[in-house]
């Protein structure tokens, strides 16, 4: 956790830095806005505390800091004479809390920790939501995907119909599955399926793919989504899941 504090009043600055540090959190103090700005540019600071009465920080500076680090938590220390409209202006530009400038160090530290806890909770909640969305998308994809089963050498269409494959047909689709949409070289497929010293491998691969397409169209009522890239190879262009 990196915490910055800015105040042009050196006595207040020193007191805050020493007080918070004694409570177990290292507080880095700044007396000049330009130095603070440069530091924020190069450091992933977690919390910024602004002693508003003794600094030249304003709403524009807050917006600038948040543009650099959107996750920055900002606490404003204001004097008792500050009006509500002024407080709201800082909250509206992204400050997280407004506290009295005479708040004791224990209370200030408690507010810092509370903000960080809430931030972690929000992150966990967002992570959970992202996981739920990812799982839902994954389920939809699996439901609408082709399936290749090693047991029985079955190819199952997205509509649930299946056909039994020959050993070479199964190997062909399996190799295409491993690349998930990428083009697999025809000569590689021929050597793998027909042997290294096969004759007319390219033509035989075309025949194998052609027969498999007709088989799927006849028995599944669907075209097999194998794309032919002329003189290069083939790719399986629809989602497909390998089931052991």
Protein backbone atom coordinates (compact mmCIF):
# COMPACT_ATOMS: atom_id res chain seq x y z
CA UNK A 1 0.00 0.00 0.00
CA UNK A 2 1.47 3.36 -1.08
CA UNK A 3 -0.01 6.45 0.64
CA UNK A 4 0.86 10.06 -0.30
CA UNK A 5 0.11 13.20 1.71
CA UNK A 6 0.44 16.80 0.51
CA UNK A 7 0.55 19.93 2.64
CA UNK A 8 2.50 23.15 2.20
CA UNK A 9 2.61 23.52 5.97
CA UNK A 10 5.83 21.72 6.88
CA UNK A 11 4.89 21.32 10.53
CA UNK A 12 1.54 19.66 9.71
CA UNK A 13 3.25 17.60 7.02
CA UNK A 14 5.91 16.31 9.38
CA UNK A 15 3.35 15.57 12.11
CA UNK A 16 1.14 13.52 9.75
CA UNK A 17 4.04 11.57 8.26
CA UNK A 18 5.47 10.72 11.69
CA UNK A 19 2.06 9.94 13.21
CA UNK A 20 0.80 7.60 10.47
CA UNK A 21 4.19 5.91 10.09
CA UNK A 22 4.21 5.12 13.83
CA UNK A 23 0.87 3.37 13.34
CA UNK A 24 2.49 1.00 10.86
CA UNK A 25 1.75 2.58 7.47
CA UNK A 26 4.49 4.38 5.54
CA UNK A 27 3.23 7.81 4.56
CA UNK A 28 5.16 9.75 1.92
CA UNK A 29 4.83 13.53 2.28
CA UNK A 30 4.99 16.29 -0.35
CA UNK A 31 5.03 20.06 0.05
CA UNK A 32 4.88 20.92 -3.66
CA UNK A 33 2.19 19.99 -6.17
CA UNK A 34 4.58 19.61 -9.08
CA UNK A 35 6.70 17.09 -7.16
CA UNK A 36 3.58 15.15 -6.23
CA UNK A 37 2.37 15.15 -9.83
CA UNK A 38 5.68 13.76 -11.12
CA UNK A 39 5.67 11.08 -8.42
CA UNK A 40 2.13 9.98 -9.29
CA UNK A 41 3.20 9.66 -12.92
CA UNK A 42 5.84 7.10 -11.97
CA UNK A 43 4.30 5.36 -8.95
CA UNK A 44 1.21 3.19 -8.56
CA UNK A 45 0.00 5.07 -5.49
CA UNK A 46 -3.05 3.67 -3.65
CA UNK A 47 -4.22 6.64 -1.55
CA UNK A 48 -3.68 10.40 -1.79
CA UNK A 49 -4.49 12.65 1.18
CA UNK A 50 -4.79 16.37 0.48
CA UNK A 51 -4.51 19.01 3.21
CA UNK A 52 -6.69 21.45 1.31
CA UNK A 53 -6.17 24.50 3.53
CA UNK A 54 -2.39 24.29 3.16
CA UNK A 55 -2.02 23.30 -0.49
CA UNK A 56 -2.86 24.66 -3.91
CA UNK A 57 -4.67 21.47 -5.00
CA UNK A 58 -8.02 21.96 -6.71
CA UNK A 59 -10.70 20.05 -8.61
CA UNK A 60 -8.73 20.15 -11.87
CA UNK A 61 -5.76 18.55 -10.15
CA UNK A 62 -8.01 15.78 -8.81
CA UNK A 63 -9.27 15.04 -12.33
CA UNK A 64 -5.69 15.02 -13.61
CA UNK A 65 -4.54 12.54 -10.94
CA UNK A 66 -7.48 10.24 -11.65
CA UNK A 67 -6.77 10.38 -15.38
CA UNK A 68 -3.28 9.06 -14.59
CA UNK A 69 -4.48 6.48 -12.06
CA UNK A 70 -8.25 5.73 -12.17
CA UNK A 71 -7.91 3.46 -9.11
CA UNK A 72 -6.46 6.22 -6.93
CA UNK A 73 -8.36 6.79 -3.67
CA UNK A 74 -8.48 10.43 -2.57
CA UNK A 75 -9.16 11.81 0.90
CA UNK A 76 -9.65 15.57 1.30
CA UNK A 77 -8.91 17.23 4.66
CA UNK A 78 -10.95 20.44 4.97
CA UNK A 79 -11.22 23.10 7.63
CA UNK A 80 -14.49 23.78 9.54
CA UNK A 81 -15.18 26.96 7.54
CA UNK A 82 -15.52 25.06 4.25
CA UNK A 83 -19.08 25.15 2.90
CA UNK A 84 -21.10 22.22 1.64
CA UNK A 85 -20.95 23.38 -1.98
CA UNK A 86 -17.15 23.24 -1.88
CA UNK A 87 -17.23 19.73 -0.39
CA UNK A 88 -19.63 18.54 -3.08
CA UNK A 89 -17.45 19.94 -5.85
CA UNK A 90 -14.55 17.72 -4.72
CA UNK A 91 -16.77 14.68 -4.34
CA UNK A 92 -18.23 15.24 -7.80
CA UNK A 93 -14.83 15.16 -9.49
CA UNK A 94 -13.93 11.82 -7.90
CA UNK A 95 -12.71 12.35 -4.33
CA UNK A 96 -13.71 9.47 -2.06
CA UNK A 97 -13.97 11.09 1.38
CA UNK A 98 -14.05 14.51 3.02
CA UNK A 99 -12.66 14.66 6.57
CA UNK A 100 -11.95 17.44 9.02
CA UNK A 101 -8.33 18.65 8.81
CA UNK A 102 -7.91 18.17 12.57
CA UNK A 103 -8.87 14.47 12.42
CA UNK A 104 -6.58 12.34 14.59
CA UNK A 105 -4.14 9.93 12.97
CA UNK A 106 -5.94 6.80 14.19
CA UNK A 107 -9.22 7.90 12.59
CA UNK A 108 -7.45 8.94 9.40
CA UNK A 109 -5.75 5.55 9.16
CA UNK A 110 -9.06 3.77 9.80
CA UNK A 111 -10.60 5.69 6.89
CA UNK A 112 -7.68 4.73 4.64
CA UNK A 113 -8.09 1.05 5.49
CA UNK A 114 -11.87 1.21 5.05
CA UNK A 115 -11.51 2.66 1.56
CA UNK A 116 -9.01 -0.03 0.61
CA UNK A 117 -11.29 -2.79 1.97
CA UNK A 118 -14.23 -1.48 -0.04
CA UNK A 119 -12.05 -1.30 -3.13
CA UNK A 120 -10.98 -4.94 -2.67
CA UNK A 121 -14.63 -6.00 -2.21
CA UNK A 122 -15.62 -4.22 -5.42
CA UNK A 123 -12.73 -5.89 -7.25
CA UNK A 124 -13.75 -9.33 -5.94
CA UNK A 125 -17.35 -8.65 -6.96
CA UNK A 126 -16.26 -7.62 -10.45
CA UNK A 127 -14.03 -10.69 -10.70
CA UNK A 128 -16.97 -12.90 -9.69
CA UNK A 129 -19.21 -11.22 -12.25
CA UNK A 130 -16.55 -11.67 -14.95
CA UNK A 131 -16.24 -15.35 -14.04
CA UNK A 132 -20.03 -15.83 -14.22
CA UNK A 133 -20.12 -14.15 -17.63
CA UNK A 134 -17.17 -16.22 -18.89
CA UNK A 135 -18.82 -19.43 -17.69
CA UNK A 136 -22.11 -18.50 -19.36
CA UNK A 137 -20.35 -17.71 -22.64
CA UNK A 138 -18.39 -20.95 -22.40
CA UNK A 139 -21.59 -22.95 -21.85
CA UNK A 140 -23.27 -21.30 -24.83
CA UNK A 141 -20.24 -22.03 -26.99
CA UNK A 142 -20.13 -25.66 -25.91
CA UNK A 143 -23.84 -26.05 -26.53
CA UNK A 144 -23.53 -24.65 -30.07
CA UNK A 145 -20.24 -26.40 -30.84
CA UNK A 146 -19.42 -29.56 -32.71
CA UNK A 147 -18.10 -32.39 -30.53
CA UNK A 148 -15.50 -35.03 -31.29
CA UNK A 149 -15.61 -38.09 -29.02
CA UNK A 150 -12.59 -40.35 -28.80
CA UNK A 151 -14.74 -43.18 -27.42
CA UNK A 152 -16.47 -44.68 -30.45
CA UNK A 153 -14.91 -42.12 -32.83
CA UNK A 154 -18.08 -40.06 -32.98
CA UNK A 155 -18.61 -36.65 -34.54
CA UNK A 156 -21.62 -34.87 -33.03
CA UNK A 157 -23.25 -31.87 -34.68
CA UNK A 158 -24.47 -28.82 -32.70
CA UNK A 159 -28.02 -30.12 -33.10
CA UNK A 160 -27.08 -33.35 -31.30
CA UNK A 161 -26.94 -35.82 -34.21
CA UNK A 162 -23.87 -38.03 -34.53
CA UNK A 163 -21.98 -40.14 -37.04
CA UNK A 164 -19.32 -42.78 -36.55
CA UNK A 165 -15.96 -41.95 -38.12
CA UNK A 166 -13.27 -44.12 -39.62
CA UNK A 167 -9.81 -44.02 -38.03
CA UNK A 168 -8.49 -41.60 -40.67
CA UNK A 169 -11.57 -39.38 -40.53
CA UNK A 170 -11.24 -39.17 -36.75
CA UNK A 171 -7.51 -38.37 -36.97
CA UNK A 172 -8.14 -35.69 -39.58
CA UNK A 173 -10.74 -33.85 -37.51
CA UNK A 174 -8.69 -34.33 -34.35
CA UNK A 175 -5.65 -32.66 -35.93
CA UNK A 176 -7.82 -29.80 -37.19
CA UNK A 177 -9.40 -29.45 -33.73
CA UNK A 178 -6.01 -28.94 -32.12
CA UNK A 179 -5.47 -25.81 -34.23
CA UNK A 180 -8.98 -24.37 -33.58
CA UNK A 181 -9.55 -22.45 -36.81
CA UNK A 182 -5.94 -22.20 -37.96
CA UNK A 183 -4.90 -23.67 -41.31
CA UNK A 184 -3.24 -27.10 -41.08
CA UNK A 185 -0.82 -27.86 -43.92
CA UNK A 186 -2.08 -30.49 -46.36
CA UNK A 187 1.32 -32.18 -46.73
CA UNK A 188 1.61 -32.49 -42.94
CA UNK A 189 -1.83 -34.09 -42.82
CA UNK A 190 -0.99 -36.47 -45.65
CA UNK A 191 2.26 -37.61 -44.00
CA UNK A 192 0.52 -38.03 -40.63
CA UNK A 193 -2.54 -39.89 -41.93
CA UNK A 194 -1.16 -41.74 -44.96
CA UNK A 195 2.49 -42.24 -44.07
CA UNK A 196 5.69 -40.37 -44.87
CA UNK A 197 6.23 -42.01 -48.27
CA UNK A 198 2.62 -41.89 -49.45
CA UNK A 199 1.74 -41.54 -53.13
CA UNK A 200 -0.59 -38.78 -54.39
CA UNK A 201 -1.08 -37.54 -50.82
CA UNK A 202 -2.66 -34.23 -51.80
CA UNK A 203 -5.26 -35.87 -54.05
CA UNK A 204 -6.05 -38.55 -51.46
CA UNK A 205 -6.55 -35.87 -48.80
CA UNK A 206 -9.01 -34.07 -51.08
CA UNK A 207 -10.93 -37.31 -51.55
CA UNK A 208 -10.95 -37.98 -47.79
CA UNK A 209 -12.30 -34.52 -47.00
CA UNK A 210 -14.84 -34.75 -49.84
CA UNK A 211 -16.22 -38.09 -48.61
CA UNK A 212 -16.41 -36.76 -45.06
CA UNK A 213 -18.34 -33.70 -46.21
CA UNK A 214 -20.87 -35.87 -48.08
CA UNK A 215 -21.18 -38.18 -45.09
CA UNK A 216 -22.03 -35.29 -42.76
CA UNK A 217 -24.47 -33.74 -45.19
CA UNK A 218 -26.25 -37.06 -45.69
CA UNK A 219 -26.42 -38.27 -42.08
CA UNK A 220 -26.34 -35.03 -40.07
CA UNK A 221 -28.16 -32.73 -42.47
CA UNK A 222 -25.39 -30.18 -42.01
CA UNK A 223 -22.33 -29.14 -43.94
CA UNK A 224 -19.05 -30.01 -42.29
CA UNK A 225 -17.32 -26.68 -41.47
CA UNK A 226 -13.94 -27.61 -42.94
CA UNK A 227 -12.54 -24.82 -45.08
CA UNK A 228 -10.21 -25.70 -47.94
CA UNK A 229 -7.37 -23.27 -48.58
CA UNK A 230 -6.23 -24.07 -52.12
CA UNK A 231 -2.80 -25.74 -52.33
CA UNK A 232 -2.16 -25.07 -48.63
CA UNK A 233 -4.44 -27.07 -46.35
CA UNK A 234 -7.62 -27.15 -44.29
CA UNK A 235 -9.11 -25.55 -41.19
CA UNK A 236 -12.11 -26.35 -39.01
CA UNK A 237 -13.88 -22.98 -38.88
CA UNK A 238 -16.58 -23.67 -36.25
CA UNK A 239 -16.18 -24.18 -32.49
CA UNK A 240 -15.41 -27.81 -31.70
CA UNK A 241 -14.84 -29.59 -28.41
CA UNK A 242 -12.79 -32.76 -27.98
CA UNK A 243 -14.38 -35.12 -25.45
CA UNK A 244 -12.18 -37.91 -24.15
